[in-house]
């Protein structure tokens, strides 16, 4: 069996014997056993194994570091961030504008001496839908009414209450939850406020407009100026009605059907 020639590990010069020094470069030669034990290739392989064994530790350290950075970012976030986001919701924006006093024209009221509550109802409903996409009209209260109009400039008021259906029933008489959105038009402008009340029933938009209900009430003996309240009443089979009386005098009242404008008998 032919024996492999010996060579210098540093310069590659062919050597006749193992050990000693290389005659070309002077590098001291190792014995064959020592050369096999100390081969650079084997050393590099062991280094690679060490690197591979340490790789999982590096990844663990990286993940832990990122987790610490993320937790720090959450803790250092300004506390007002959540409230700022809430402040930009439709209801919060509307409420903020009302606090500073919004114009009555926001509800379409141009002449404050002669406001039509039925025309303003559409604008008020738009505000309610920004508060809740399922908002429905619960009730209205307007005073003093003369020929279906309200003199807001002289101290009159037009008020609307909206609620959120609970899912029980549909149409007039639909059951609603306790929260209400109150939209009021007064001489100082429009105010919008969320209030808490008891559960009730929705009246929905009246088929009998205010001026027709007022005319029916006057014909039935109620003297103007009038106080008119539109709502669902339990006493009249949970029907939406106009409850009309002389403003400031509740002794005499007339109930006008919110659908047909007929005068109802209690």
Protein backbone atom coordinates (compact mmCIF):
# COMPACT_ATOMS: atom_id res chain seq x y z
CA UNK A 1 0.00 0.00 0.00
CA UNK A 2 1.48 3.32 -1.11
CA UNK A 3 2.12 5.80 1.69
CA UNK A 4 0.93 9.38 1.21
CA UNK A 5 3.79 11.92 0.81
CA UNK A 6 4.43 14.27 3.68
CA UNK A 7 4.23 18.02 3.10
CA UNK A 8 4.71 21.17 5.15
CA UNK A 9 1.46 22.30 6.72
CA UNK A 10 2.35 25.96 6.09
CA UNK A 11 4.06 26.21 2.63
CA UNK A 12 3.30 22.80 1.14
CA UNK A 13 6.94 21.74 0.53
CA UNK A 14 7.33 17.95 0.22
CA UNK A 15 9.13 16.51 3.24
CA UNK A 16 11.07 13.32 3.50
CA UNK A 17 10.39 12.68 7.21
CA UNK A 18 7.75 13.71 9.69
CA UNK A 19 8.60 16.18 12.43
CA UNK A 20 11.42 18.69 12.61
CA UNK A 21 11.36 21.95 10.67
CA UNK A 22 10.50 22.68 7.05
CA UNK A 23 13.72 23.39 5.07
CA UNK A 24 11.86 25.95 2.94
CA UNK A 25 9.92 28.07 5.43
CA UNK A 26 11.27 26.87 8.79
CA UNK A 27 7.85 26.02 10.22
CA UNK A 28 8.02 23.33 12.87
CA UNK A 29 6.21 20.18 11.76
CA UNK A 30 3.96 18.13 14.01
CA UNK A 31 3.78 14.41 14.32
CA UNK A 32 1.05 12.76 12.19
CA UNK A 33 -1.10 12.08 15.28
CA UNK A 34 -0.81 15.65 16.45
CA UNK A 35 -1.55 16.95 12.96
CA UNK A 36 -4.72 14.88 12.79
CA UNK A 37 -5.78 16.06 16.23
CA UNK A 38 -5.10 19.69 15.47
CA UNK A 39 -6.25 19.97 11.85
CA UNK A 40 -7.80 23.33 11.11
CA UNK A 41 -10.73 21.62 9.38
CA UNK A 42 -11.67 19.75 12.51
CA UNK A 43 -11.33 22.93 14.52
CA UNK A 44 -13.63 24.76 12.13
CA UNK A 45 -16.17 21.94 12.34
CA UNK A 46 -16.20 22.17 16.13
CA UNK A 47 -16.55 25.95 15.87
CA UNK A 48 -19.51 25.45 13.54
CA UNK A 49 -21.12 23.07 15.99
CA UNK A 50 -20.64 25.59 18.78
CA UNK A 51 -22.17 28.32 16.60
CA UNK A 52 -25.14 26.12 15.74
CA UNK A 53 -25.69 25.25 19.38
CA UNK A 54 -25.64 28.93 20.33
CA UNK A 55 -28.04 30.01 17.53
CA UNK A 56 -31.25 29.12 19.45
CA UNK A 57 -29.98 31.17 22.39
CA UNK A 58 -29.46 34.16 20.10
CA UNK A 59 -33.03 33.89 18.79
CA UNK A 60 -34.42 33.61 22.32
CA UNK A 61 -32.48 36.70 23.35
CA UNK A 62 -33.77 38.58 20.29
CA UNK A 63 -37.42 37.66 20.99
CA UNK A 64 -37.11 38.62 24.66
CA UNK A 65 -35.53 41.93 23.69
CA UNK A 66 -38.32 42.77 21.26
CA UNK A 67 -40.90 41.86 23.90
CA UNK A 68 -39.29 44.22 26.42
CA UNK A 69 -39.25 47.03 23.85
CA UNK A 70 -42.95 46.48 22.99
CA UNK A 71 -43.98 46.45 26.66
CA UNK A 72 -42.07 49.67 27.24
CA UNK A 73 -43.83 51.34 24.32
CA UNK A 74 -47.24 50.40 25.74
CA UNK A 75 -46.38 51.63 29.23
CA UNK A 76 -44.94 54.89 27.94
CA UNK A 77 -47.89 55.63 25.62
CA UNK A 78 -49.68 58.90 26.59
CA UNK A 79 -52.68 58.18 28.75
CA UNK A 80 -54.83 60.58 26.77
CA UNK A 81 -54.58 58.53 23.54
CA UNK A 82 -57.79 56.57 24.17
CA UNK A 83 -59.75 59.63 25.18
CA UNK A 84 -58.54 61.46 22.09
CA UNK A 85 -59.85 58.67 19.86
CA UNK A 86 -63.20 58.74 21.66
CA UNK A 87 -63.33 62.50 21.30
CA UNK A 88 -63.36 62.09 17.51
CA UNK A 89 -66.47 59.88 17.45
CA UNK A 90 -69.58 61.43 15.82
CA UNK A 91 -71.42 61.82 19.13
CA UNK A 92 -68.42 63.32 20.94
CA UNK A 93 -67.81 65.74 18.08
CA UNK A 94 -71.45 66.80 18.10
CA UNK A 95 -71.50 67.18 21.88
CA UNK A 96 -68.33 69.28 21.79
CA UNK A 97 -69.85 71.63 19.22
CA UNK A 98 -73.06 71.94 21.26
CA UNK A 99 -71.15 72.83 24.42
CA UNK A 100 -69.84 75.94 22.76
CA UNK A 101 -73.31 76.69 21.38
CA UNK A 102 -74.35 75.74 17.85
CA UNK A 103 -76.61 77.76 15.62
CA UNK A 104 -80.31 77.01 15.36
CA UNK A 105 -79.78 76.81 11.61
CA UNK A 106 -78.12 73.43 12.21
CA UNK A 107 -81.65 72.05 12.50
CA UNK A 108 -82.84 74.07 9.52
CA UNK A 109 -84.43 76.79 11.68
CA UNK A 110 -83.95 80.04 9.77
CA UNK A 111 -86.73 82.14 11.28
CA UNK A 112 -86.70 81.60 15.06
CA UNK A 113 -90.06 83.35 15.38
CA UNK A 114 -91.75 80.64 13.32
CA UNK A 115 -90.02 77.25 13.62
CA UNK A 116 -91.69 74.20 12.05
CA UNK A 117 -90.87 71.26 14.38
CA UNK A 118 -91.70 68.75 11.64
CA UNK A 119 -89.06 70.23 9.32
CA UNK A 120 -86.46 70.32 12.09
CA UNK A 121 -87.21 66.67 12.92
CA UNK A 122 -85.28 65.44 9.85
CA UNK A 123 -82.09 67.27 10.92
CA UNK A 124 -82.48 66.05 14.50
CA UNK A 125 -82.86 62.47 13.25
CA UNK A 126 -79.56 62.82 11.35
CA UNK A 127 -77.84 63.65 14.63
CA UNK A 128 -79.48 60.67 16.28
CA UNK A 129 -78.26 58.34 13.52
CA UNK A 130 -74.70 59.57 14.16
CA UNK A 131 -75.25 58.62 17.80
CA UNK A 132 -76.67 55.19 16.86
CA UNK A 133 -77.35 53.78 13.40
CA UNK A 134 -80.55 52.19 14.79
CA UNK A 135 -81.88 55.32 16.54
CA UNK A 136 -85.66 55.84 16.47
CA UNK A 137 -87.87 58.70 17.62
CA UNK A 138 -89.27 58.15 21.11
CA UNK A 139 -91.08 61.43 21.75
CA UNK A 140 -91.38 65.14 20.95
CA UNK A 141 -92.30 68.11 23.11
CA UNK A 142 -93.01 71.53 21.59
CA UNK A 143 -94.31 74.77 23.10
CA UNK A 144 -95.93 77.21 22.62
CA UNK A 145 -97.60 76.13 19.38
CA UNK A 146 -99.50 78.63 17.23
CA UNK A 147 -100.75 77.42 13.83
CA UNK A 148 -98.28 74.54 13.88
CA UNK A 149 -95.26 76.82 14.51
CA UNK A 150 -93.16 77.65 17.59
CA UNK A 151 -91.72 81.07 18.46
CA UNK A 152 -88.32 79.94 19.76
CA UNK A 153 -86.95 83.49 19.86
CA UNK A 154 -89.56 84.46 22.45
CA UNK A 155 -88.69 81.56 24.77
CA UNK A 156 -90.35 78.60 23.06
CA UNK A 157 -88.67 75.21 22.72
CA UNK A 158 -88.65 72.21 20.40
CA UNK A 159 -87.37 68.97 21.92
CA UNK A 160 -86.79 65.48 20.54
CA UNK A 161 -85.86 62.23 22.30
CA UNK A 162 -84.37 59.27 20.43
CA UNK A 163 -83.63 55.76 21.66
CA UNK A 164 -82.10 52.42 20.64
CA UNK A 165 -84.42 49.46 19.91
CA UNK A 166 -83.90 46.32 21.99
CA UNK A 167 -85.06 44.07 19.15
CA UNK A 168 -88.50 43.39 20.65
CA UNK A 169 -91.23 44.27 18.18
CA UNK A 170 -91.17 46.66 15.23
CA UNK A 171 -92.99 49.77 14.05
CA UNK A 172 -94.70 52.16 16.49
CA UNK A 173 -94.49 50.72 19.99
CA UNK A 174 -91.11 49.05 19.46
CA UNK A 175 -89.44 48.54 22.83
CA UNK A 176 -86.30 50.61 23.43
CA UNK A 177 -83.50 50.63 25.99
CA UNK A 178 -82.90 53.18 28.71
CA UNK A 179 -80.43 55.52 27.00
CA UNK A 180 -81.80 58.55 25.15
CA UNK A 181 -80.36 61.21 22.89
CA UNK A 182 -82.00 64.53 23.71
CA UNK A 183 -81.90 67.17 20.96
CA UNK A 184 -83.38 70.54 21.87
CA UNK A 185 -83.79 73.79 19.96
CA UNK A 186 -84.06 76.94 22.07
CA UNK A 187 -83.32 80.65 21.70
CA UNK A 188 -79.67 79.98 22.66
CA UNK A 189 -79.21 77.40 19.89
CA UNK A 190 -79.16 73.62 19.58
CA UNK A 191 -78.15 71.32 22.42
CA UNK A 192 -77.48 67.58 22.17
CA UNK A 193 -77.09 65.38 25.23
CA UNK A 194 -77.20 61.68 26.05
CA UNK A 195 -79.44 60.96 29.03
CA UNK A 196 -80.38 57.87 31.01
CA UNK A 197 -84.03 56.90 31.36
CA UNK A 198 -86.20 53.84 31.81
CA UNK A 199 -87.09 51.41 29.06
CA UNK A 200 -89.99 52.53 26.92
CA UNK A 201 -91.51 52.37 23.46
CA UNK A 202 -90.73 54.22 20.27
CA UNK A 203 -93.34 56.45 18.65
CA UNK A 204 -91.53 56.80 15.31
CA UNK A 205 -92.21 59.73 13.00
CA UNK A 206 -95.87 60.82 13.16
CA UNK A 207 -98.12 60.32 10.18
CA UNK A 208 -100.28 63.12 11.58
CA UNK A 209 -98.17 66.32 11.43
CA UNK A 210 -98.12 68.84 14.25
CA UNK A 211 -100.19 71.50 12.50
CA UNK A 212 -103.01 68.98 11.79
CA UNK A 213 -102.92 67.68 15.37
CA UNK A 214 -103.00 71.24 16.73
CA UNK A 215 -105.95 72.10 14.48
CA UNK A 216 -107.85 69.01 15.71
CA UNK A 217 -107.12 69.88 19.36
CA UNK A 218 -108.32 73.51 18.95
CA UNK A 219 -111.45 72.25 17.22
CA UNK A 220 -111.98 69.95 20.23
CA UNK A 221 -111.92 72.90 22.68
CA UNK A 222 -108.24 73.46 23.59
CA UNK A 223 -107.29 77.15 23.47
CA UNK A 224 -103.91 78.20 22.05
CA UNK A 225 -101.04 78.69 22.64
CA UNK A 226 -100.57 74.95 22.90
CA UNK A 227 -98.24 72.48 24.54
CA UNK A 228 -97.98 69.39 22.32
CA UNK A 229 -96.29 66.14 23.35
CA UNK A 230 -95.94 63.26 20.88
CA UNK A 231 -95.36 59.85 22.46
CA UNK A 232 -96.60 56.30 22.91
CA UNK A 233 -98.96 56.06 25.86
CA UNK A 234 -99.84 52.88 27.70
CA UNK A 235 -103.33 54.17 28.41
CA UNK A 236 -104.24 54.19 24.73
CA UNK A 237 -103.22 50.70 23.68
CA UNK A 238 -99.57 51.72 23.20
CA UNK A 239 -100.45 53.88 20.21
CA UNK A 240 -98.44 56.97 19.23
CA UNK A 241 -100.53 60.05 20.03
CA UNK A 242 -100.31 63.81 20.30
CA UNK A 243 -101.20 64.93 23.82
CA UNK A 244 -102.28 68.55 23.48
CA UNK A 245 -103.17 71.08 26.17
CA UNK A 246 -103.09 74.83 26.64
CA UNK A 247 -99.50 75.84 27.39
CA UNK A 248 -99.21 76.26 31.18
CA UNK A 249 -102.59 74.64 31.84
CA UNK A 250 -102.59 70.85 31.89
CA UNK A 251 -106.07 70.39 33.30
CA UNK A 252 -107.73 70.03 29.91
CA UNK A 253 -106.06 67.73 27.40
CA UNK A 254 -106.95 66.18 24.06
CA UNK A 255 -105.38 63.04 22.61
CA UNK A 256 -104.93 63.10 18.85
CA UNK A 257 -104.14 59.86 16.99
CA UNK A 258 -100.60 60.09 15.62
CA UNK A 259 -101.59 58.13 12.52
CA UNK A 260 -105.05 59.42 11.57
CA UNK A 261 -105.30 62.79 13.43
CA UNK A 262 -108.59 61.59 14.97
CA UNK A 263 -109.51 62.86 18.43
CA UNK A 264 -109.33 59.90 20.82
CA UNK A 265 -111.47 59.29 23.87
CA UNK A 266 -109.58 58.07 26.92
